[in-house]
N, C-alpha and C. Protein backbone atom coordinates (compact mmCIF):
# COMPACT_ATOMS: atom_id res chain seq x y z
N GLN A 1 8.53 -27.04 -18.78
CA GLN A 1 7.33 -26.75 -19.28
C GLN A 1 7.09 -26.63 -20.78
N VAL A 2 5.86 -26.68 -21.18
CA VAL A 2 5.24 -26.69 -22.27
C VAL A 2 4.46 -25.75 -22.64
N GLN A 3 4.61 -25.17 -23.98
CA GLN A 3 3.86 -23.86 -24.38
C GLN A 3 3.10 -24.38 -25.39
N LEU A 4 1.71 -24.13 -25.68
CA LEU A 4 1.09 -24.73 -26.80
C LEU A 4 0.34 -23.54 -27.39
N VAL A 5 0.36 -23.33 -28.52
CA VAL A 5 -0.25 -22.25 -29.55
C VAL A 5 -0.93 -22.77 -30.75
N GLU A 6 -2.28 -22.48 -30.56
CA GLU A 6 -3.22 -23.10 -31.47
C GLU A 6 -3.56 -22.17 -32.65
N SER A 7 -3.76 -22.99 -33.89
CA SER A 7 -4.24 -22.04 -35.10
C SER A 7 -5.22 -23.10 -35.69
N GLY A 8 -5.76 -22.28 -36.64
CA GLY A 8 -6.55 -23.03 -37.83
C GLY A 8 -8.10 -22.87 -37.28
N GLY A 9 -8.53 -22.32 -36.53
CA GLY A 9 -9.87 -22.02 -36.09
C GLY A 9 -10.43 -21.27 -37.24
N GLY A 10 -11.81 -20.84 -37.44
CA GLY A 10 -12.64 -20.12 -38.19
C GLY A 10 -13.83 -20.57 -38.33
N LEU A 11 -14.30 -19.76 -39.41
CA LEU A 11 -15.90 -20.07 -39.57
C LEU A 11 -16.07 -20.99 -40.99
N VAL A 12 -16.98 -22.18 -40.62
CA VAL A 12 -17.28 -22.85 -41.81
C VAL A 12 -18.64 -23.29 -41.58
N GLN A 13 -19.09 -23.60 -42.95
CA GLN A 13 -20.61 -23.90 -43.10
C GLN A 13 -20.73 -25.45 -42.80
N ALA A 14 -22.02 -25.84 -42.16
CA ALA A 14 -22.27 -27.15 -41.90
C ALA A 14 -21.91 -27.97 -43.02
N GLY A 15 -21.26 -29.17 -42.65
CA GLY A 15 -21.14 -30.21 -43.68
C GLY A 15 -19.51 -30.11 -43.97
N GLY A 16 -18.82 -28.84 -43.68
CA GLY A 16 -17.51 -28.63 -44.17
C GLY A 16 -16.51 -29.12 -43.00
N SER A 17 -15.19 -28.88 -43.53
CA SER A 17 -14.14 -29.32 -42.60
C SER A 17 -13.20 -28.14 -42.26
N LEU A 18 -12.41 -28.49 -41.23
CA LEU A 18 -11.53 -27.74 -40.55
C LEU A 18 -10.41 -28.40 -39.84
N ARG A 19 -9.25 -27.99 -39.92
CA ARG A 19 -8.10 -28.59 -39.28
C ARG A 19 -7.43 -27.60 -38.36
N LEU A 20 -7.50 -28.12 -36.98
CA LEU A 20 -6.91 -27.38 -36.02
C LEU A 20 -5.51 -28.04 -35.82
N SER A 21 -4.52 -26.88 -35.33
CA SER A 21 -3.26 -27.31 -35.32
C SER A 21 -3.00 -26.84 -33.72
N CYS A 22 -1.91 -27.56 -33.07
CA CYS A 22 -1.53 -27.10 -31.81
C CYS A 22 0.06 -27.44 -32.05
N ALA A 23 0.91 -26.26 -31.84
CA ALA A 23 2.28 -26.40 -31.77
C ALA A 23 2.83 -26.28 -30.47
N ALA A 24 3.88 -27.21 -29.96
CA ALA A 24 4.32 -27.29 -28.61
C ALA A 24 5.74 -26.95 -28.82
N SER A 25 5.96 -26.10 -27.72
CA SER A 25 7.82 -26.10 -27.37
C SER A 25 7.88 -26.35 -26.04
N GLY A 26 9.06 -26.53 -25.82
CA GLY A 26 9.49 -26.64 -24.31
C GLY A 26 10.03 -28.17 -24.10
N ARG A 27 9.43 -28.84 -23.46
CA ARG A 27 10.04 -30.43 -23.22
C ARG A 27 9.67 -31.16 -24.35
N PRO A 28 10.16 -32.18 -24.56
CA PRO A 28 10.08 -33.12 -25.68
C PRO A 28 8.52 -33.23 -25.90
N PHE A 29 8.02 -33.03 -27.16
CA PHE A 29 6.55 -33.24 -27.49
C PHE A 29 6.19 -34.68 -27.12
N LEU A 30 6.90 -35.72 -27.60
CA LEU A 30 6.54 -36.94 -27.47
C LEU A 30 6.50 -37.54 -26.09
N ASN A 31 6.99 -36.89 -24.99
CA ASN A 31 6.82 -37.23 -23.68
C ASN A 31 5.40 -36.95 -23.20
N TYR A 32 4.40 -36.53 -23.81
CA TYR A 32 3.30 -36.16 -23.33
C TYR A 32 2.09 -36.82 -24.04
N ALA A 33 1.06 -37.10 -23.28
CA ALA A 33 -0.27 -37.53 -23.83
C ALA A 33 -0.77 -36.29 -24.25
N MET A 34 -1.70 -36.12 -25.35
CA MET A 34 -2.31 -34.75 -25.66
C MET A 34 -3.69 -34.98 -25.99
N GLY A 35 -4.49 -33.98 -25.77
CA GLY A 35 -6.03 -34.07 -25.90
C GLY A 35 -6.58 -32.77 -26.54
N TRP A 36 -7.63 -32.86 -26.82
CA TRP A 36 -8.53 -31.65 -27.25
C TRP A 36 -9.86 -31.58 -26.60
N PHE A 37 -10.31 -30.39 -26.20
CA PHE A 37 -11.35 -30.15 -25.44
C PHE A 37 -11.97 -29.22 -26.18
N ARG A 38 -13.25 -28.70 -25.88
CA ARG A 38 -14.10 -27.78 -26.20
C ARG A 38 -15.12 -27.16 -25.38
N GLN A 39 -15.32 -25.84 -25.54
CA GLN A 39 -16.28 -25.03 -24.70
C GLN A 39 -17.21 -24.19 -25.25
N ALA A 40 -18.34 -24.65 -25.36
CA ALA A 40 -19.64 -23.90 -26.14
C ALA A 40 -20.12 -22.63 -25.29
N PRO A 41 -20.50 -21.61 -26.06
CA PRO A 41 -20.78 -20.50 -25.04
C PRO A 41 -22.10 -21.01 -23.96
N GLY A 42 -21.83 -20.68 -22.77
CA GLY A 42 -22.58 -20.92 -21.82
C GLY A 42 -22.58 -22.45 -21.28
N LYS A 43 -21.70 -23.17 -21.71
CA LYS A 43 -21.58 -24.62 -21.42
C LYS A 43 -20.30 -24.97 -20.70
N GLU A 44 -20.09 -26.03 -20.12
CA GLU A 44 -18.94 -26.31 -19.61
C GLU A 44 -17.99 -26.95 -20.59
N ARG A 45 -16.62 -26.90 -20.23
CA ARG A 45 -15.70 -27.51 -20.95
C ARG A 45 -15.93 -29.08 -21.02
N VAL A 46 -15.60 -29.58 -22.36
CA VAL A 46 -15.98 -31.34 -22.46
C VAL A 46 -14.86 -31.82 -23.26
N PHE A 47 -14.72 -32.82 -22.98
CA PHE A 47 -13.66 -33.81 -23.87
C PHE A 47 -14.10 -33.89 -25.18
N VAL A 48 -13.10 -33.91 -26.29
CA VAL A 48 -13.21 -34.11 -27.38
C VAL A 48 -12.60 -35.39 -28.01
N ALA A 49 -11.16 -35.32 -27.82
CA ALA A 49 -10.40 -36.43 -28.18
C ALA A 49 -9.16 -36.62 -27.37
N THR A 50 -8.43 -37.66 -27.65
CA THR A 50 -7.07 -37.69 -26.84
C THR A 50 -6.23 -38.88 -27.63
N ASN A 51 -5.12 -38.88 -27.58
CA ASN A 51 -4.12 -39.77 -27.83
C ASN A 51 -3.12 -39.99 -26.82
N THR A 52 -2.75 -41.18 -26.77
CA THR A 52 -1.96 -41.77 -25.72
C THR A 52 -0.43 -41.30 -25.78
N TRP A 53 0.38 -41.36 -24.83
CA TRP A 53 1.69 -40.97 -24.82
C TRP A 53 2.40 -41.61 -26.06
N SER A 54 2.24 -42.50 -26.43
CA SER A 54 2.88 -43.23 -27.80
C SER A 54 2.01 -42.57 -29.06
N GLY A 55 0.94 -42.14 -28.93
CA GLY A 55 0.21 -41.71 -30.05
C GLY A 55 -0.21 -42.63 -30.89
N ASP A 56 -0.18 -43.83 -30.57
CA ASP A 56 -1.10 -45.00 -31.21
C ASP A 56 -2.44 -45.36 -31.10
N SER A 57 -3.02 -44.79 -29.79
CA SER A 57 -4.28 -45.22 -29.43
C SER A 57 -4.64 -43.92 -29.32
N THR A 58 -6.12 -43.86 -29.68
CA THR A 58 -6.75 -42.59 -29.68
C THR A 58 -8.46 -42.73 -29.24
N TYR A 59 -8.96 -41.93 -28.51
CA TYR A 59 -10.28 -41.90 -27.93
C TYR A 59 -11.06 -40.78 -28.23
N TYR A 60 -12.29 -40.96 -28.44
CA TYR A 60 -13.29 -39.77 -29.08
C TYR A 60 -14.46 -39.65 -28.14
N ALA A 61 -14.92 -38.52 -27.64
CA ALA A 61 -16.23 -38.12 -27.39
C ALA A 61 -17.15 -38.82 -28.39
N ASP A 62 -18.37 -39.40 -27.92
CA ASP A 62 -19.31 -39.87 -28.76
C ASP A 62 -19.87 -38.77 -29.72
N SER A 63 -19.80 -37.65 -29.30
CA SER A 63 -20.47 -36.60 -30.02
C SER A 63 -19.79 -36.27 -31.38
N VAL A 64 -18.27 -36.83 -31.47
CA VAL A 64 -17.44 -36.54 -32.62
C VAL A 64 -17.02 -37.66 -33.31
N LYS A 65 -17.32 -38.72 -32.90
CA LYS A 65 -16.68 -40.06 -33.16
C LYS A 65 -17.26 -40.21 -34.59
N GLY A 66 -16.01 -40.79 -35.47
CA GLY A 66 -16.60 -40.93 -36.97
C GLY A 66 -16.46 -39.49 -37.67
N ARG A 67 -16.13 -38.37 -37.01
CA ARG A 67 -16.13 -37.27 -37.80
C ARG A 67 -14.90 -36.49 -37.62
N PHE A 68 -14.21 -36.65 -36.24
CA PHE A 68 -13.06 -35.88 -36.11
C PHE A 68 -11.86 -36.94 -36.11
N THR A 69 -10.63 -36.51 -36.18
CA THR A 69 -9.54 -37.22 -35.91
C THR A 69 -8.54 -36.42 -35.42
N ILE A 70 -8.02 -37.14 -34.26
CA ILE A 70 -6.78 -36.55 -33.54
C ILE A 70 -5.43 -37.26 -34.24
N SER A 71 -4.52 -36.74 -34.40
CA SER A 71 -3.08 -37.08 -34.68
C SER A 71 -2.09 -36.07 -34.33
N ARG A 72 -0.89 -36.70 -34.36
CA ARG A 72 0.27 -36.04 -33.88
C ARG A 72 1.37 -36.02 -34.91
N ASP A 73 2.25 -35.21 -35.03
CA ASP A 73 3.56 -35.45 -35.81
C ASP A 73 4.69 -35.01 -34.82
N ASN A 74 5.24 -36.00 -34.11
CA ASN A 74 6.55 -35.59 -33.14
C ASN A 74 7.28 -34.99 -33.57
N ALA A 75 7.71 -35.16 -34.83
CA ALA A 75 8.88 -34.47 -35.72
C ALA A 75 8.72 -33.04 -35.59
N LYS A 76 7.34 -32.59 -35.76
CA LYS A 76 7.07 -31.10 -36.02
C LYS A 76 6.74 -30.64 -34.63
N ASN A 77 6.47 -31.59 -33.63
CA ASN A 77 5.95 -30.98 -32.35
C ASN A 77 4.48 -30.58 -32.44
N THR A 78 3.67 -31.01 -33.21
CA THR A 78 2.38 -30.41 -33.44
C THR A 78 1.47 -31.64 -33.44
N LEU A 79 0.33 -31.28 -32.77
CA LEU A 79 -1.00 -31.97 -32.64
C LEU A 79 -2.01 -31.34 -33.58
N TYR A 80 -2.84 -32.06 -34.01
CA TYR A 80 -3.66 -31.78 -35.20
C TYR A 80 -4.97 -32.50 -34.62
N LEU A 81 -6.08 -31.63 -34.98
CA LEU A 81 -7.64 -32.09 -35.03
C LEU A 81 -8.31 -31.83 -36.34
N GLN A 82 -8.36 -32.87 -37.14
CA GLN A 82 -9.21 -32.76 -38.25
C GLN A 82 -10.72 -32.96 -38.01
N MET A 83 -11.46 -32.03 -38.55
CA MET A 83 -12.73 -32.07 -37.90
C MET A 83 -13.53 -32.12 -39.68
N ASN A 84 -14.25 -32.95 -39.71
CA ASN A 84 -15.19 -33.38 -40.82
C ASN A 84 -16.46 -33.35 -40.78
N SER A 85 -17.11 -33.01 -41.58
CA SER A 85 -18.86 -33.34 -41.51
C SER A 85 -19.14 -32.48 -40.22
N LEU A 86 -18.92 -31.05 -40.16
CA LEU A 86 -18.87 -30.06 -39.12
C LEU A 86 -20.50 -29.97 -38.99
N LYS A 87 -21.11 -29.80 -37.80
CA LYS A 87 -22.28 -29.61 -37.45
C LYS A 87 -22.21 -28.16 -36.58
N PRO A 88 -23.38 -27.38 -36.51
CA PRO A 88 -23.61 -26.13 -35.93
C PRO A 88 -23.18 -26.44 -34.34
N GLU A 89 -23.70 -27.67 -33.83
CA GLU A 89 -23.33 -27.84 -32.41
C GLU A 89 -21.97 -28.22 -31.98
N ASP A 90 -21.08 -28.14 -33.28
CA ASP A 90 -19.67 -28.20 -33.15
C ASP A 90 -18.96 -26.83 -32.72
N THR A 91 -19.66 -25.85 -32.89
CA THR A 91 -19.37 -24.34 -32.52
C THR A 91 -18.87 -24.45 -31.23
N ALA A 92 -17.87 -23.90 -30.68
CA ALA A 92 -16.94 -23.95 -29.78
C ALA A 92 -15.59 -23.18 -29.64
N VAL A 93 -15.10 -22.96 -28.58
CA VAL A 93 -13.65 -22.61 -28.42
C VAL A 93 -13.06 -24.07 -28.20
N TYR A 94 -11.96 -24.33 -29.04
CA TYR A 94 -11.24 -25.44 -28.88
C TYR A 94 -9.83 -25.47 -28.20
N TYR A 95 -9.41 -26.34 -27.25
CA TYR A 95 -8.60 -26.10 -26.54
C TYR A 95 -7.64 -27.55 -26.81
N CYS A 96 -6.34 -27.38 -27.03
CA CYS A 96 -5.56 -28.36 -26.89
C CYS A 96 -4.92 -28.55 -25.48
N ALA A 97 -4.20 -29.73 -25.22
CA ALA A 97 -3.78 -29.92 -24.03
C ALA A 97 -2.88 -30.92 -23.81
N ALA A 98 -1.55 -30.67 -22.91
CA ALA A 98 -0.50 -31.68 -22.77
C ALA A 98 -0.45 -32.25 -21.23
N GLY A 99 -0.28 -33.31 -21.17
CA GLY A 99 -0.14 -33.87 -20.02
C GLY A 99 0.33 -35.35 -19.91
N ARG A 100 0.19 -35.65 -18.45
CA ARG A 100 0.59 -37.18 -18.31
C ARG A 100 -0.46 -37.97 -17.94
N CYS A 101 -1.18 -38.77 -18.67
CA CYS A 101 -2.17 -39.55 -18.49
C CYS A 101 -2.44 -40.60 -19.29
N SER A 102 -3.15 -41.51 -19.06
CA SER A 102 -3.82 -42.70 -19.89
C SER A 102 -5.17 -43.14 -19.78
N GLY A 103 -5.61 -43.88 -20.68
CA GLY A 103 -6.69 -44.39 -20.59
C GLY A 103 -7.93 -43.36 -20.12
N ALA A 104 -8.87 -43.65 -19.15
CA ALA A 104 -9.84 -42.97 -18.85
C ALA A 104 -9.56 -41.61 -18.17
N ARG A 105 -8.53 -41.57 -17.49
CA ARG A 105 -7.80 -40.31 -16.78
C ARG A 105 -7.59 -39.06 -18.10
N CYS A 106 -7.24 -39.64 -19.20
CA CYS A 106 -7.21 -38.53 -20.32
C CYS A 106 -8.41 -37.98 -20.99
N TYR A 107 -9.70 -38.28 -20.24
CA TYR A 107 -10.94 -37.71 -20.61
C TYR A 107 -11.23 -36.61 -19.57
N ILE A 108 -10.58 -36.50 -18.64
CA ILE A 108 -10.75 -35.32 -17.63
C ILE A 108 -9.72 -34.40 -17.86
N GLY A 109 -10.10 -32.91 -17.96
CA GLY A 109 -9.22 -31.94 -18.13
C GLY A 109 -8.31 -31.53 -17.15
N SER A 110 -8.70 -32.00 -15.71
CA SER A 110 -7.79 -31.68 -14.64
C SER A 110 -6.49 -32.84 -14.87
N SER A 111 -6.53 -33.71 -15.71
CA SER A 111 -5.33 -34.37 -15.75
C SER A 111 -4.20 -33.76 -16.72
N TYR A 112 -4.59 -32.70 -17.29
CA TYR A 112 -3.56 -32.21 -18.19
C TYR A 112 -2.98 -31.03 -17.55
N ASP A 113 -1.69 -30.62 -17.85
CA ASP A 113 -0.90 -29.77 -17.18
C ASP A 113 -0.81 -28.28 -17.79
N TYR A 114 -0.74 -28.56 -19.14
CA TYR A 114 -0.70 -27.38 -20.09
C TYR A 114 -1.64 -27.51 -21.19
N TRP A 115 -2.02 -26.03 -21.57
CA TRP A 115 -3.13 -25.68 -22.53
C TRP A 115 -2.87 -24.60 -23.43
N GLY A 116 -3.43 -24.75 -24.55
CA GLY A 116 -3.53 -23.78 -25.28
C GLY A 116 -4.28 -22.58 -25.08
N GLN A 117 -4.21 -21.59 -25.83
CA GLN A 117 -4.91 -20.52 -25.71
C GLN A 117 -6.64 -20.35 -26.09
N GLY A 118 -6.77 -21.52 -27.04
CA GLY A 118 -7.92 -21.45 -27.43
C GLY A 118 -8.20 -21.18 -29.11
N ALA A 119 -8.94 -21.87 -29.65
CA ALA A 119 -9.21 -21.79 -31.03
C ALA A 119 -10.94 -21.48 -31.31
N GLN A 120 -11.12 -20.60 -31.71
CA GLN A 120 -12.77 -20.30 -32.31
C GLN A 120 -13.21 -21.03 -33.42
N VAL A 121 -14.33 -21.89 -33.30
CA VAL A 121 -14.53 -22.74 -34.37
C VAL A 121 -15.97 -22.26 -34.56
N THR A 122 -16.42 -21.80 -35.60
CA THR A 122 -18.00 -21.40 -35.61
C THR A 122 -18.27 -22.26 -37.08
N VAL A 123 -19.50 -22.80 -36.68
CA VAL A 123 -20.14 -23.61 -37.70
C VAL A 123 -21.61 -23.21 -38.00
N SER A 124 -21.66 -22.51 -39.11
CA SER A 124 -22.95 -21.89 -39.54
C SER A 124 -23.94 -23.03 -40.28
N SER A 125 -25.13 -22.91 -40.07
CA SER A 125 -26.18 -23.78 -40.50
C SER A 125 -26.69 -23.33 -41.89
């Protein structure tokens, strides 16, 4: 199994940047597709970004495209989400996830088997 521990959340002003980290333990990190999801207060959990099993292909929700970058460091068993040009509407709890999926199936939370504890990101206006 895989355990995921998130860090890097916090409060930032609109237009600022924040980098989330997701450290994995257990099975080899490179064996999994990885994703980021977020859930704003009173709203459903939504897809943010994912990369493939190989880590070479990435996909983003339209709401974050051009501002967020998902990446991984297999040697460190760590997933990252670099968030730039943050907006108040980005305020949410962010969750990293690991699973076995590819393509469109990686947009769906149920495709993932393991989840981090969540990291609060608050963007002030």
